Amino acid sequence: MPAHPALSDRPSIWIHALLRNMRSWRHMLHVGSIVLVLALSPSSYTPEFRHRTARHIYTSTWQAMPWFTALSALLSLVLIRIVVVTALSYGLSQYALQMVVRVLVLELIPLSAALFVALRAGLAFNAGAVDLAARPTVHHRKLDLDHLRNHATPHVLADTFSVWALATLSSVVVLVMTYFTVYGLSPWGLPSFTRTVGQVFDLAVSLGFILKILFFSLAVAVVPMAASLEASQHRATDTIQPGAVRLFLVLFLLEAASLAVKYI
């Protein structure tokens, strides 16, 4: 009895999808490496390049910083109160501060900053995909280095800086709120607070925290840009934001790797 045509074509469809995904990942790594080299090249920093980068930093960081910080502070205050009250009810008040610092500062704040900047970066690159597609010098197998230097690289630098700025400021705000929640307005709890925070942020944890924010910022900056460029080259008309699933997968793998290294 002959096999059904759909069943016989299924392996070839899977192979074709696998090859397409591999080409897409290779394209992302290729474009990302080019943009990072351009960002590190001193010749890229012309007055026009610096002006465009500063404008993107203002848009992606300064305009979003007040209300993102306020929202993260409000949500963090709720979580801080829940953790502190729960720890007091079980007689574990000595571990409340460490738990707040480990959960909020080390895990939730960097991830929330990365997701927030990823949303803004994805929308910005999606809006600029038409401009990329309209350029005659960009086609399937050749990248316009001048266009990448003048338009994509400022976006990447701005989004990278935005993740760092939002995560750092929110972490400081959360630490201050944690102190006032646990010790109130008394200054006498400062030695105990700094000693506990210092025990959490030892050398290994501090290095891992910096590396995690660095990889988060690079993923947020590079993945939407490469996906939008690839979509514009292929004239994609998908309703889903280009690279959204891939970016969430990369962030998930980075967070999982960070947790595995830290706690396993």
C-alpha atoms as a PDB file:
ATOM      1  CA  MET A   1       0.000   0.000   0.000  1.00  0.00           C
ATOM      2  CA  PRO A   2       1.627   3.324  -1.029  1.00  0.00           C
ATOM      3  CA  ALA A   3       2.411   5.858   1.652  1.00  0.00           C
ATOM      4  CA  HIS A   4       0.359   8.979   1.945  1.00  0.00           C
ATOM      5  CA  PRO A   5       1.983  11.891   0.011  1.00  0.00           C
ATOM      6  CA  ALA A   6       1.889  14.161   3.050  1.00  0.00           C
ATOM      7  CA  LEU A   7       3.658  11.542   5.180  1.00  0.00           C
ATOM      8  CA  SER A   8       6.311  10.894   2.550  1.00  0.00           C
ATOM      9  CA  ASP A   9       7.062  14.617   2.234  1.00  0.00           C
ATOM     10  CA  ARG A  10       7.268  15.202   5.975  1.00  0.00           C
ATOM     11  CA  PRO A  11      10.999  14.319   6.384  1.00  0.00           C
ATOM     12  CA  SER A  12      11.947  16.674   3.563  1.00  0.00           C
ATOM     13  CA  ILE A  13       9.855  19.435   5.129  1.00  0.00           C
ATOM     14  CA  TRP A  14      11.603  18.918   8.463  1.00  0.00           C
ATOM     15  CA  ILE A  15      15.021  18.938   6.819  1.00  0.00           C
ATOM     16  CA  HIS A  16      14.161  22.096   4.905  1.00  0.00           C
ATOM     17  CA  ALA A  17      12.956  23.813   8.088  1.00  0.00           C
ATOM     18  CA  LEU A  18      16.113  22.734   9.953  1.00  0.00           C
ATOM     19  CA  LEU A  19      18.364  24.076   7.208  1.00  0.00           C
ATOM     20  CA  ARG A  20      16.398  27.334   7.087  1.00  0.00           C
ATOM     21  CA  ASN A  21      16.761  27.789  10.841  1.00  0.00           C
ATOM     22  CA  MET A  22      20.470  27.032  10.683  1.00  0.00           C
ATOM     23  CA  ARG A  23      20.935  29.623   7.930  1.00  0.00           C
ATOM     24  CA  SER A  24      18.953  32.115   9.969  1.00  0.00           C
ATOM     25  CA  TRP A  25      21.077  31.554  13.088  1.00  0.00           C
ATOM     26  CA  ARG A  26      24.256  31.802  11.014  1.00  0.00           C
ATOM     27  CA  HIS A  27      22.993  35.057   9.492  1.00  0.00           C
ATOM     28  CA  MET A  28      22.294  36.432  12.971  1.00  0.00           C
ATOM     29  CA  LEU A  29      25.778  35.552  14.224  1.00  0.00           C
ATOM     30  CA  HIS A  30      27.371  36.947  11.056  1.00  0.00           C
ATOM     31  CA  VAL A  31      25.531  40.265  11.167  1.00  0.00           C
ATOM     32  CA  GLY A  32      25.985  40.543  14.919  1.00  0.00           C
ATOM     33  CA  SER A  33      29.737  40.010  14.696  1.00  0.00           C
ATOM     34  CA  ILE A  34      30.015  42.633  11.930  1.00  0.00           C
ATOM     35  CA  VAL A  35      28.044  45.190  13.931  1.00  0.00           C
ATOM     36  CA  LEU A  36      30.099  44.524  17.070  1.00  0.00           C
ATOM     37  CA  VAL A  37      33.326  44.996  15.099  1.00  0.00           C
ATOM     38  CA  LEU A  38      31.968  48.248  13.680  1.00  0.00           C
ATOM     39  CA  ALA A  39      30.987  49.375  17.159  1.00  0.00           C
ATOM     40  CA  LEU A  40      34.540  48.722  18.432  1.00  0.00           C
ATOM     41  CA  SER A  41      36.214  50.386  15.448  1.00  0.00           C
ATOM     42  CA  PRO A  42      37.445  53.943  16.187  1.00  0.00           C
ATOM     43  CA  SER A  43      36.867  54.930  12.546  1.00  0.00           C
ATOM     44  CA  SER A  44      33.117  54.504  13.008  1.00  0.00           C
ATOM     45  CA  TYR A  45      32.846  57.341  15.500  1.00  0.00           C
ATOM     46  CA  THR A  46      32.329  60.242  13.155  1.00  0.00           C
ATOM     47  CA  PRO A  47      30.392  63.331  14.379  1.00  0.00           C
ATOM     48  CA  GLU A  48      27.283  62.113  12.558  1.00  0.00           C
ATOM     49  CA  PHE A  49      27.633  58.640  14.100  1.00  0.00           C
ATOM     50  CA  ARG A  50      28.019  60.067  17.620  1.00  0.00           C
ATOM     51  CA  HIS A  51      25.043  62.360  17.126  1.00  0.00           C
ATOM     52  CA  ARG A  52      22.846  59.489  15.893  1.00  0.00           C
ATOM     53  CA  THR A  53      23.988  57.236  18.756  1.00  0.00           C
ATOM     54  CA  ALA A  54      23.272  59.943  21.328  1.00  0.00           C
ATOM     55  CA  ARG A  55      19.796  60.442  19.866  1.00  0.00           C
ATOM     56  CA  HIS A  56      19.055  56.713  20.099  1.00  0.00           C
ATOM     57  CA  ILE A  57      20.379  56.584  23.673  1.00  0.00           C
ATOM     58  CA  TYR A  58      18.099  59.460  24.608  1.00  0.00           C
ATOM     59  CA  THR A  59      15.115  57.702  23.046  1.00  0.00           C
ATOM     60  CA  SER A  60      15.778  54.208  24.382  1.00  0.00           C
ATOM     61  CA  THR A  61      17.108  55.100  27.842  1.00  0.00           C
ATOM     62  CA  TRP A  62      16.399  58.597  29.094  1.00  0.00           C
ATOM     63  CA  GLN A  63      12.774  58.765  27.953  1.00  0.00           C
ATOM     64  CA  ALA A  64      11.952  55.327  29.391  1.00  0.00           C
ATOM     65  CA  MET A  65      14.028  55.490  32.558  1.00  0.00           C
ATOM     66  CA  PRO A  66      11.634  57.402  34.910  1.00  0.00           C
ATOM     67  CA  TRP A  67       8.517  55.324  34.411  1.00  0.00           C
ATOM     68  CA  PHE A  68      10.385  52.020  34.075  1.00  0.00           C
ATOM     69  CA  THR A  69      12.183  52.729  37.348  1.00  0.00           C
ATOM     70  CA  ALA A  70       8.912  53.716  39.019  1.00  0.00           C
ATOM     71  CA  LEU A  71       7.136  50.593  37.784  1.00  0.00           C
ATOM     72  CA  SER A  72       9.973  48.270  38.787  1.00  0.00           C
ATOM     73  CA  ALA A  73      10.174  49.975  42.192  1.00  0.00           C
ATOM     74  CA  LEU A  74       6.445  49.504  42.763  1.00  0.00           C
ATOM     75  CA  LEU A  75       6.518  45.821  41.828  1.00  0.00           C
ATOM     76  CA  SER A  76       9.719  45.295  43.818  1.00  0.00           C
ATOM     77  CA  LEU A  77       8.174  46.907  46.897  1.00  0.00           C
ATOM     78  CA  VAL A  78       5.316  44.414  46.766  1.00  0.00           C
ATOM     79  CA  LEU A  79       7.725  41.489  46.471  1.00  0.00           C
ATOM     80  CA  ILE A  80       9.965  42.855  49.217  1.00  0.00           C
ATOM     81  CA  ARG A  81       7.034  43.136  51.611  1.00  0.00           C
ATOM     82  CA  ILE A  82       5.882  39.625  50.786  1.00  0.00           C
ATOM     83  CA  VAL A  83       9.339  38.131  51.357  1.00  0.00           C
ATOM     84  CA  VAL A  84      10.024  40.070  54.567  1.00  0.00           C
ATOM     85  CA  VAL A  85       6.624  39.367  56.135  1.00  0.00           C
ATOM     86  CA  THR A  86       6.800  35.693  55.186  1.00  0.00           C
ATOM     87  CA  ALA A  87      10.319  35.356  56.586  1.00  0.00           C
ATOM     88  CA  LEU A  88       9.276  37.034  59.857  1.00  0.00           C
ATOM     89  CA  SER A  89       6.261  34.760  60.224  1.00  0.00           C
ATOM     90  CA  TYR A  90       8.471  31.669  59.934  1.00  0.00           C
ATOM     91  CA  GLY A  91      11.248  33.024  62.136  1.00  0.00           C
ATOM     92  CA  LEU A  92      13.691  33.364  59.229  1.00  0.00           C
ATOM     93  CA  SER A  93      14.191  37.118  59.318  1.00  0.00           C
ATOM     94  CA  GLN A  94      17.972  36.715  59.071  1.00  0.00           C
ATOM     95  CA  TYR A  95      17.556  35.262  55.583  1.00  0.00           C
ATOM     96  CA  ALA A  96      14.991  37.774  54.285  1.00  0.00           C
ATOM     97  CA  LEU A  97      17.535  40.335  53.109  1.00  0.00           C
ATOM     98  CA  GLN A  98      19.673  37.787  51.291  1.00  0.00           C
ATOM     99  CA  MET A  99      16.610  36.315  49.605  1.00  0.00           C
ATOM    100  CA  VAL A 100      15.458  39.734  48.395  1.00  0.00           C
ATOM    101  CA  VAL A 101      18.882  40.579  46.996  1.00  0.00           C
ATOM    102  CA  ARG A 102      19.313  37.210  45.289  1.00  0.00           C
ATOM    103  CA  VAL A 103      15.835  37.058  43.783  1.00  0.00           C
ATOM    104  CA  LEU A 104      15.255  40.684  42.807  1.00  0.00           C
ATOM    105  CA  VAL A 105      18.665  42.213  42.166  1.00  0.00           C
ATOM    106  CA  LEU A 106      20.441  39.176  40.751  1.00  0.00           C
ATOM    107  CA  GLU A 107      17.618  37.607  38.743  1.00  0.00           C
ATOM    108  CA  LEU A 108      14.420  39.592  38.162  1.00  0.00           C
ATOM    109  CA  ILE A 109      15.768  43.116  37.620  1.00  0.00           C
ATOM    110  CA  PRO A 110      18.254  42.235  34.821  1.00  0.00           C
ATOM    111  CA  LEU A 111      15.715  40.003  33.096  1.00  0.00           C
ATOM    112  CA  SER A 112      12.936  42.601  33.281  1.00  0.00           C
ATOM    113  CA  ALA A 113      15.253  45.314  31.939  1.00  0.00           C
ATOM    114  CA  ALA A 114      16.305  43.073  29.064  1.00  0.00           C
ATOM    115  CA  LEU A 115      12.703  42.190  28.175  1.00  0.00           C
ATOM    116  CA  PHE A 116      11.648  45.835  28.330  1.00  0.00           C
ATOM    117  CA  VAL A 117      14.462  47.010  26.059  1.00  0.00           C
ATOM    118  CA  ALA A 118      13.865  44.017  23.781  1.00  0.00           C
ATOM    119  CA  LEU A 119      10.276  45.115  23.214  1.00  0.00           C
ATOM    120  CA  ARG A 120      11.308  48.663  22.373  1.00  0.00           C
ATOM    121  CA  ALA A 121      14.232  47.520  20.230  1.00  0.00           C
ATOM    122  CA  GLY A 122      12.095  45.055  18.309  1.00  0.00           C
ATOM    123  CA  LEU A 123       9.498  47.680  17.521  1.00  0.00           C
ATOM    124  CA  ALA A 124      12.176  50.148  16.450  1.00  0.00           C
ATOM    125  CA  PHE A 125      13.933  47.720  14.122  1.00  0.00           C
ATOM    126  CA  ASN A 126      10.626  46.532  12.714  1.00  0.00           C
ATOM    127  CA  ALA A 127       9.753  50.118  11.901  1.00  0.00           C
ATOM    128  CA  GLY A 128      13.118  50.548  10.200  1.00  0.00           C
ATOM    129  CA  ALA A 129      12.878  47.352   8.164  1.00  0.00           C
ATOM    130  CA  VAL A 130      11.255  49.218   5.286  1.00  0.00           C
ATOM    131  CA  ASP A 131      14.240  51.541   5.056  1.00  0.00           C
ATOM    132  CA  LEU A 132      16.593  48.578   4.983  1.00  0.00           C
ATOM    133  CA  ALA A 133      14.594  46.867   2.290  1.00  0.00           C
ATOM    134  CA  ALA A 134      14.447  49.989   0.165  1.00  0.00           C
ATOM    135  CA  ARG A 135      18.199  50.275  -0.197  1.00  0.00           C
ATOM    136  CA  PRO A 136      19.339  48.777  -3.506  1.00  0.00           C
ATOM    137  CA  THR A 137      22.759  47.832  -2.151  1.00  0.00           C
ATOM    138  CA  VAL A 138      21.315  45.351   0.360  1.00  0.00           C
ATOM    139  CA  HIS A 139      20.430  41.954  -1.071  1.00  0.00           C
ATOM    140  CA  HIS A 140      20.360  38.356  -0.009  1.00  0.00           C
ATOM    141  CA  ARG A 141      24.080  37.656   0.091  1.00  0.00           C
ATOM    142  CA  LYS A 142      25.693  41.065   0.521  1.00  0.00           C
ATOM    143  CA  LEU A 143      25.504  43.480   3.413  1.00  0.00           C
ATOM    144  CA  ASP A 144      25.876  47.223   3.078  1.00  0.00           C
ATOM    145  CA  LEU A 145      28.598  47.961   5.634  1.00  0.00           C
ATOM    146  CA  ASP A 146      28.052  51.719   5.448  1.00  0.00           C
ATOM    147  CA  HIS A 147      24.379  51.296   6.204  1.00  0.00           C
ATOM    148  CA  LEU A 148      25.139  48.908   9.066  1.00  0.00           C
ATOM    149  CA  ARG A 149      27.666  51.363  10.477  1.00  0.00           C
ATOM    150  CA  ASN A 150      25.478  54.442  10.159  1.00  0.00           C
ATOM    151  CA  HIS A 151      22.072  53.007  11.088  1.00  0.00           C
ATOM    152  CA  ALA A 152      22.241  49.583  12.770  1.00  0.00           C
ATOM    153  CA  THR A 153      25.314  50.117  14.953  1.00  0.00           C
ATOM    154  CA  PRO A 154      23.912  53.201  16.767  1.00  0.00           C
ATOM    155  CA  HIS A 155      20.799  51.175  17.571  1.00  0.00           C
ATOM    156  CA  VAL A 156      22.920  48.337  18.955  1.00  0.00           C
ATOM    157  CA  LEU A 157      25.021  50.660  21.119  1.00  0.00           C
ATOM    158  CA  ALA A 158      21.941  52.459  22.422  1.00  0.00           C
ATOM    159  CA  ASP A 159      20.102  49.253  23.304  1.00  0.00           C
ATOM    160  CA  THR A 160      23.185  47.800  24.988  1.00  0.00           C
ATOM    161  CA  PHE A 161      23.590  50.935  27.081  1.00  0.00           C
ATOM    162  CA  SER A 162      19.869  50.971  27.857  1.00  0.00           C
ATOM    163  CA  VAL A 163      19.921  47.488  29.411  1.00  0.00           C
ATOM    164  CA  TRP A 164      22.933  48.415  31.531  1.00  0.00           C
ATOM    165  CA  ALA A 165      21.449  51.737  32.661  1.00  0.00           C
ATOM    166  CA  LEU A 166      17.980  50.433  33.498  1.00  0.00           C
ATOM    167  CA  ALA A 167      19.276  47.340  35.290  1.00  0.00           C
ATOM    168  CA  THR A 168      21.848  49.305  37.307  1.00  0.00           C
ATOM    169  CA  LEU A 169      19.488  52.093  38.349  1.00  0.00           C
ATOM    170  CA  SER A 170      16.684  49.692  39.234  1.00  0.00           C
ATOM    171  CA  SER A 171      19.065  47.542  41.283  1.00  0.00           C
ATOM    172  CA  VAL A 172      20.209  50.564  43.296  1.00  0.00           C
ATOM    173  CA  VAL A 173      16.601  51.652  43.869  1.00  0.00           C
ATOM    174  CA  VAL A 174      15.643  48.146  44.995  1.00  0.00           C
ATOM    175  CA  LEU A 175      18.565  47.994  47.446  1.00  0.00           C
ATOM    176  CA  VAL A 176      17.576  51.350  48.961  1.00  0.00           C
ATOM    177  CA  MET A 177      13.948  50.266  49.241  1.00  0.00           C
ATOM    178  CA  THR A 178      15.004  46.987  50.836  1.00  0.00           C
ATOM    179  CA  TYR A 179      17.012  48.814  53.476  1.00  0.00           C
ATOM    180  CA  PHE A 180      14.123  51.110  54.415  1.00  0.00           C
ATOM    181  CA  THR A 181      11.687  48.193  54.444  1.00  0.00           C
ATOM    182  CA  VAL A 182      13.837  46.082  56.747  1.00  0.00           C
ATOM    183  CA  TYR A 183      15.478  48.740  58.981  1.00  0.00           C
ATOM    184  CA  GLY A 184      13.218  51.754  58.529  1.00  0.00           C
ATOM    185  CA  LEU A 185      14.727  55.256  58.737  1.00  0.00           C
ATOM    186  CA  SER A 186      17.325  54.243  61.314  1.00  0.00           C
ATOM    187  CA  PRO A 187      20.954  54.564  60.156  1.00  0.00           C
ATOM    188  CA  TRP A 188      22.104  51.915  62.640  1.00  0.00           C
ATOM    189  CA  GLY A 189      21.233  49.068  60.317  1.00  0.00           C
ATOM    190  CA  LEU A 190      23.683  50.212  57.650  1.00  0.00           C
ATOM    191  CA  PRO A 191      26.687  48.090  58.834  1.00  0.00           C
ATOM    192  CA  SER A 192      24.558  44.938  58.959  1.00  0.00           C
ATOM    193  CA  PHE A 193      22.970  45.749  55.608  1.00  0.00           C
ATOM    194  CA  THR A 194      26.258  46.379  53.813  1.00  0.00           C
ATOM    195  CA  ARG A 195      27.775  43.226  55.350  1.00  0.00           C
ATOM    196  CA  THR A 196      24.859  41.085  54.162  1.00  0.00           C
ATOM    197  CA  VAL A 197      24.890  42.584  50.656  1.00  0.00           C
ATOM    198  CA  GLY A 198      28.654  42.127  50.523  1.00  0.00           C
ATOM    199  CA  GLN A 199      28.264  38.452  51.448  1.00  0.00           C
ATOM    200  CA  VAL A 200      25.846  38.007  48.556  1.00  0.00           C
ATOM    201  CA  PHE A 201      27.943  39.948  46.049  1.00  0.00           C
ATOM    202  CA  ASP A 202      31.187  38.083  46.430  1.00  0.00           C
ATOM    203  CA  LEU A 203      33.694  38.008  43.599  1.00  0.00           C
ATOM    204  CA  ALA A 204      32.147  35.091  41.712  1.00  0.00           C
ATOM    205  CA  VAL A 205      28.571  36.382  42.011  1.00  0.00           C
ATOM    206  CA  SER A 206      29.576  39.917  41.016  1.00  0.00           C
ATOM    207  CA  LEU A 207      31.424  38.649  37.959  1.00  0.00           C
ATOM    208  CA  GLY A 208      28.479  36.455  36.985  1.00  0.00           C
ATOM    209  CA  PHE A 209      26.081  39.388  37.463  1.00  0.00           C
ATOM    210  CA  ILE A 210      28.158  41.609  35.178  1.00  0.00           C
ATOM    211  CA  LEU A 211      28.506  38.893  32.539  1.00  0.00           C
ATOM    212  CA  LYS A 212      24.782  38.155  32.614  1.00  0.00           C
ATOM    213  CA  ILE A 213      23.857  41.784  32.038  1.00  0.00           C
ATOM    214  CA  LEU A 214      26.476  41.967  29.290  1.00  0.00           C
ATOM    215  CA  PHE A 215      25.118  38.918  27.454  1.00  0.00           C
ATOM    216  CA  PHE A 216      21.536  40.099  27.977  1.00  0.00           C
ATOM    217  CA  SER A 217      22.361  43.486  26.497  1.00  0.00           C
ATOM    218  CA  LEU A 218      24.153  41.970  23.501  1.00  0.00           C
ATOM    219  CA  ALA A 219      21.278  39.577  22.828  1.00  0.00           C
ATOM    220  CA  VAL A 220      18.683  42.338  23.072  1.00  0.00           C
ATOM    221  CA  ALA A 221      20.704  44.623  20.825  1.00  0.00           C
ATOM    222  CA  VAL A 222      21.778  42.137  18.138  1.00  0.00           C
ATOM    223  CA  VAL A 223      18.947  39.600  17.726  1.00  0.00           C
ATOM    224  CA  PRO A 224      16.117  42.021  16.750  1.00  0.00           C
ATOM    225  CA  MET A 225      18.442  43.938  14.437  1.00  0.00           C
ATOM    226  CA  ALA A 226      19.648  40.817  12.608  1.00  0.00           C
ATOM    227  CA  ALA A 227      16.143  39.351  12.392  1.00  0.00           C
ATOM    228  CA  SER A 228      14.653  42.579  11.025  1.00  0.00           C
ATOM    229  CA  LEU A 229      17.446  42.864   8.471  1.00  0.00           C
ATOM    230  CA  GLU A 230      16.890  39.267   7.389  1.00  0.00           C
ATOM    231  CA  ALA A 231      13.128  39.825   7.162  1.00  0.00           C
ATOM    232  CA  SER A 232      13.641  42.932   5.027  1.00  0.00           C
ATOM    233  CA  GLN A 233      16.022  41.084   2.705  1.00  0.00           C
ATOM    234  CA  HIS A 234      13.443  38.336   2.179  1.00  0.00           C
ATOM    235  CA  ARG A 235      10.520  40.769   2.105  1.00  0.00           C
ATOM    236  CA  ALA A 236       8.882  38.948   5.012  1.00  0.00           C
ATOM    237  CA  THR A 237       5.359  39.963   5.894  1.00  0.00           C
ATOM    238  CA  ASP A 238       4.897  38.043   9.156  1.00  0.00           C
ATOM    239  CA  THR A 239       2.681  39.594  11.801  1.00  0.00           C
ATOM    240  CA  ILE A 240       5.002  38.332  14.551  1.00  0.00           C
ATOM    241  CA  GLN A 241       7.890  40.574  15.441  1.00  0.00           C
ATOM    242  CA  PRO A 242      11.002  39.270  13.612  1.00  0.00           C
ATOM    243  CA  GLY A 243      13.316  37.415  15.961  1.00  0.00           C
ATOM    244  CA  ALA A 244      10.935  37.550  18.956  1.00  0.00           C
ATOM    245  CA  VAL A 245      10.879  33.794  19.550  1.00  0.00           C
ATOM    246  CA  ARG A 246      14.616  33.533  18.974  1.00  0.00           C
ATOM    247  CA  LEU A 247      15.328  36.377  21.378  1.00  0.00           C
ATOM    248  CA  PHE A 248      13.183  34.847  24.121  1.00  0.00           C
ATOM    249  CA  LEU A 249      14.968  31.534  23.557  1.00  0.00           C
ATOM    250  CA  VAL A 250      18.378  33.197  23.867  1.00  0.00           C
ATOM    251  CA  LEU A 251      17.364  35.038  27.042  1.00  0.00           C
ATOM    252  CA  PHE A 252      15.926  31.832  28.494  1.00  0.00           C
ATOM    253  CA  LEU A 253      19.125  29.911  27.751  1.00  0.00           C
ATOM    254  CA  LEU A 254      21.269  32.661  29.269  1.00  0.00           C
ATOM    255  CA  GLU A 255      19.158  32.765  32.420  1.00  0.00           C
ATOM    256  CA  ALA A 256      19.140  28.966  32.678  1.00  0.00           C
ATOM    257  CA  ALA A 257      22.914  28.848  32.237  1.00  0.00           C
ATOM    258  CA  SER A 258      23.345  31.540  34.903  1.00  0.00           C
ATOM    259  CA  LEU A 259      21.176  29.632  37.378  1.00  0.00           C
ATOM    260  CA  ALA A 260      22.929  26.357  36.603  1.00  0.00           C
ATOM    261  CA  VAL A 261      26.387  27.831  37.157  1.00  0.00           C
ATOM    262  CA  LYS A 262      25.287  29.616  40.328  1.00  0.00           C
ATOM    263  CA  TYR A 263      23.254  26.963  42.123  1.00  0.00           C
ATOM    264  CA  ILE A 264      24.233  23.552  40.692  1.00  0.00           C
END
